[in-house]
Structures are given as C-alpha cells and as structure tokens.
Amino acid sequence: CTVDSEVALRVGGDFFFDPQPGDSPVNLVLIAGGVGINPLFSMLLHIADLHGYQESKGNGHKLGTVKLYYSAKNTNELLFKKNILGLMNTFPGKITCCFHVTQQRSQICKELQPHVTGK
C-alpha cells in the first residue's frame, strides 16, 4: 500500500478468502499476533495451493501477492515459521512474510534473520 491507497480491513469474526476463476486478482496483507496466526495460516495454505495448481494446470485463478506480518514475543512463539519460510521459498515474490518479535533475548537463527524485526 502507498499513501492514499484504498484498502478493505476485516478484524476478527468469520472470514475467508475464496477467489473464483475469473475474479480480478487482489493483493492481500495479512496481520497476525501470537496464536491469531491459525486462521491466516489456513488462508495462506489455500493461496499456496491455488498458486501451485495455477502453475501446473493454469486453472484460471488470477492471484495477487500475499504479504504476512506476524508478531510474537520471540521466535520460539512464531507458530508455523518453518512452513511459512517454505512457502516463501516455493513462491518467491508471491508470498512474503515479515516476522516481528517484541521480547527476543537470544540470538535469532540465520534462517529467520532476514525476515525478523524487533527490539
């Protein structure tokens, strides 16, 4: 997003992302904290499945990019981090993530370092 961009925001409750073939592509920004990653991780897996299917079969889905912002106290509390890194590696530029930690006391592993910000 840039200054003056129009965005839609949804907080909590029942929500889903189910694009249909022929829909215009949308770029998603997903924001999660702690265990709040669970429903967003499910959406991320669905999007990855659609990307994979699109690449192999050309199923008509036009998908935009997904940017995940995920915060936790420390990297040990970042659920699904290895899976998320795997999705970023499998779909570079299509799925990206920025992890944020607020109370990290130990060294951050090299695999996560480029994707982590914090105090």
Protein backbone atom coordinates (compact mmCIF):
# COMPACT_ATOMS: atom_id res chain seq x y z
CA CYS A 1 0.00 0.00 0.00
CA THR A 2 1.01 3.57 -0.51
CA VAL A 3 -0.32 6.80 0.96
CA ASP A 4 -3.92 7.34 -0.19
CA SER A 5 -4.36 3.68 -1.25
CA GLU A 6 -7.82 2.28 -0.73
CA VAL A 7 -7.86 -0.84 1.44
CA ALA A 8 -10.51 -3.10 2.94
CA LEU A 9 -9.98 -4.19 6.54
CA ARG A 10 -11.54 -7.08 8.40
CA VAL A 11 -10.87 -7.76 12.09
CA GLY A 12 -11.91 -10.97 13.84
CA GLY A 13 -15.05 -12.99 13.32
CA ASP A 14 -15.82 -15.35 10.47
CA PHE A 15 -13.76 -14.57 7.40
CA PHE A 16 -12.30 -16.45 4.48
CA PHE A 17 -10.56 -15.97 1.16
CA ASP A 18 -12.05 -17.98 -1.67
CA PRO A 19 -11.22 -16.41 -5.04
CA GLN A 20 -13.04 -17.83 -8.04
CA PRO A 21 -11.67 -18.34 -11.56
CA GLY A 22 -12.16 -15.13 -13.49
CA ASP A 23 -12.08 -12.88 -10.38
CA SER A 24 -9.72 -9.93 -10.60
CA PRO A 25 -6.50 -10.55 -8.68
CA VAL A 26 -6.19 -8.93 -5.27
CA ASN A 27 -3.12 -8.32 -3.18
CA LEU A 28 -3.56 -9.40 0.45
CA VAL A 29 -1.93 -8.07 3.59
CA LEU A 30 -2.43 -10.48 6.50
CA ILE A 31 -1.62 -9.31 10.04
CA ALA A 32 -1.37 -11.77 12.91
CA GLY A 33 -0.22 -11.81 16.51
CA GLY A 34 0.55 -14.92 18.53
CA VAL A 35 -1.94 -17.76 18.08
CA GLY A 36 -4.04 -15.45 15.90
CA ILE A 37 -1.98 -16.87 13.04
CA ASN A 38 -4.14 -20.02 12.87
CA PRO A 39 -6.93 -18.83 10.53
CA LEU A 40 -4.50 -16.73 8.48
CA PHE A 41 -2.12 -19.67 8.08
CA SER A 42 -5.03 -21.71 6.70
CA MET A 43 -5.72 -18.93 4.20
CA LEU A 44 -2.02 -18.83 3.30
CA LEU A 45 -2.01 -22.58 2.64
CA HIS A 46 -5.10 -22.24 0.44
CA ILE A 47 -3.45 -19.46 -1.55
CA ALA A 48 -0.28 -21.55 -1.93
CA ASP A 49 -2.38 -24.46 -3.20
CA LEU A 50 -4.02 -22.17 -5.76
CA HIS A 51 -0.62 -20.82 -6.85
CA GLY A 52 0.71 -24.35 -7.23
CA TYR A 53 -2.34 -25.51 -9.14
CA GLN A 54 -2.26 -22.42 -11.35
CA GLU A 55 1.40 -23.03 -12.21
CA SER A 56 0.82 -26.69 -13.08
CA LYS A 57 -2.63 -26.59 -14.69
CA GLY A 58 -3.44 -22.95 -15.50
CA ASN A 59 -6.78 -23.14 -13.67
CA GLY A 60 -7.97 -19.62 -14.45
CA HIS A 61 -7.32 -18.16 -11.00
CA LYS A 62 -5.60 -14.80 -11.18
CA LEU A 63 -3.83 -14.37 -7.87
CA GLY A 64 -2.11 -11.31 -6.49
CA THR A 65 0.58 -11.22 -3.87
CA VAL A 66 0.32 -12.02 -0.17
CA LYS A 67 2.30 -10.18 2.50
CA LEU A 68 2.08 -11.64 6.02
CA TYR A 69 3.04 -9.58 9.06
CA TYR A 70 3.30 -11.83 12.11
CA SER A 71 4.29 -10.77 15.62
CA ALA A 72 5.10 -12.78 18.74
CA LYS A 73 7.15 -12.39 21.91
CA ASN A 74 10.08 -14.32 20.47
CA THR A 75 10.93 -16.59 17.57
CA ASN A 76 10.06 -19.70 19.62
CA GLU A 77 6.46 -18.45 19.73
CA LEU A 78 6.20 -17.89 15.97
CA LEU A 79 3.96 -20.81 15.06
CA PHE A 80 4.38 -22.40 11.60
CA LYS A 81 7.54 -20.35 10.94
CA LYS A 82 9.29 -23.16 9.05
CA ASN A 83 6.18 -23.77 6.95
CA ILE A 84 5.88 -20.05 6.21
CA LEU A 85 9.55 -19.87 5.19
CA GLY A 86 8.96 -22.88 2.93
CA LEU A 87 6.01 -21.14 1.24
CA MET A 88 8.11 -18.01 0.70
CA ASN A 89 10.86 -20.12 -0.90
CA THR A 90 8.39 -22.04 -3.06
CA PHE A 91 6.56 -18.90 -4.25
CA PRO A 92 9.15 -16.10 -4.20
CA GLY A 93 7.65 -12.67 -4.69
CA LYS A 94 4.13 -14.08 -4.44
CA ILE A 95 4.18 -14.94 -0.73
CA THR A 96 6.32 -12.87 1.63
CA CYS A 97 6.46 -12.51 5.39
CA CYS A 98 7.86 -10.12 7.95
CA PHE A 99 8.14 -11.57 11.45
CA HIS A 100 8.29 -9.18 14.41
CA VAL A 101 9.44 -10.16 17.89
CA THR A 102 8.93 -7.99 20.96
CA GLN A 103 10.89 -9.77 23.71
CA GLN A 104 13.65 -11.74 21.98
CA ARG A 105 16.51 -12.40 24.39
CA SER A 106 18.55 -14.92 22.40
CA GLN A 107 20.25 -14.83 19.02
CA ILE A 108 17.88 -15.21 16.05
CA CYS A 109 18.76 -18.17 13.84
CA LYS A 110 20.30 -17.33 10.45
CA GLU A 111 17.35 -18.75 8.53
CA LEU A 112 14.96 -16.27 10.17
CA GLN A 113 17.26 -13.24 10.48
CA PRO A 114 16.44 -11.64 7.11
CA HIS A 115 12.73 -11.78 7.90
CA VAL A 116 12.70 -10.67 11.57
CA THR A 117 12.49 -7.23 13.10
CA GLY A 118 12.19 -6.44 16.78
CA LYS A 119 13.53 -4.74 19.83
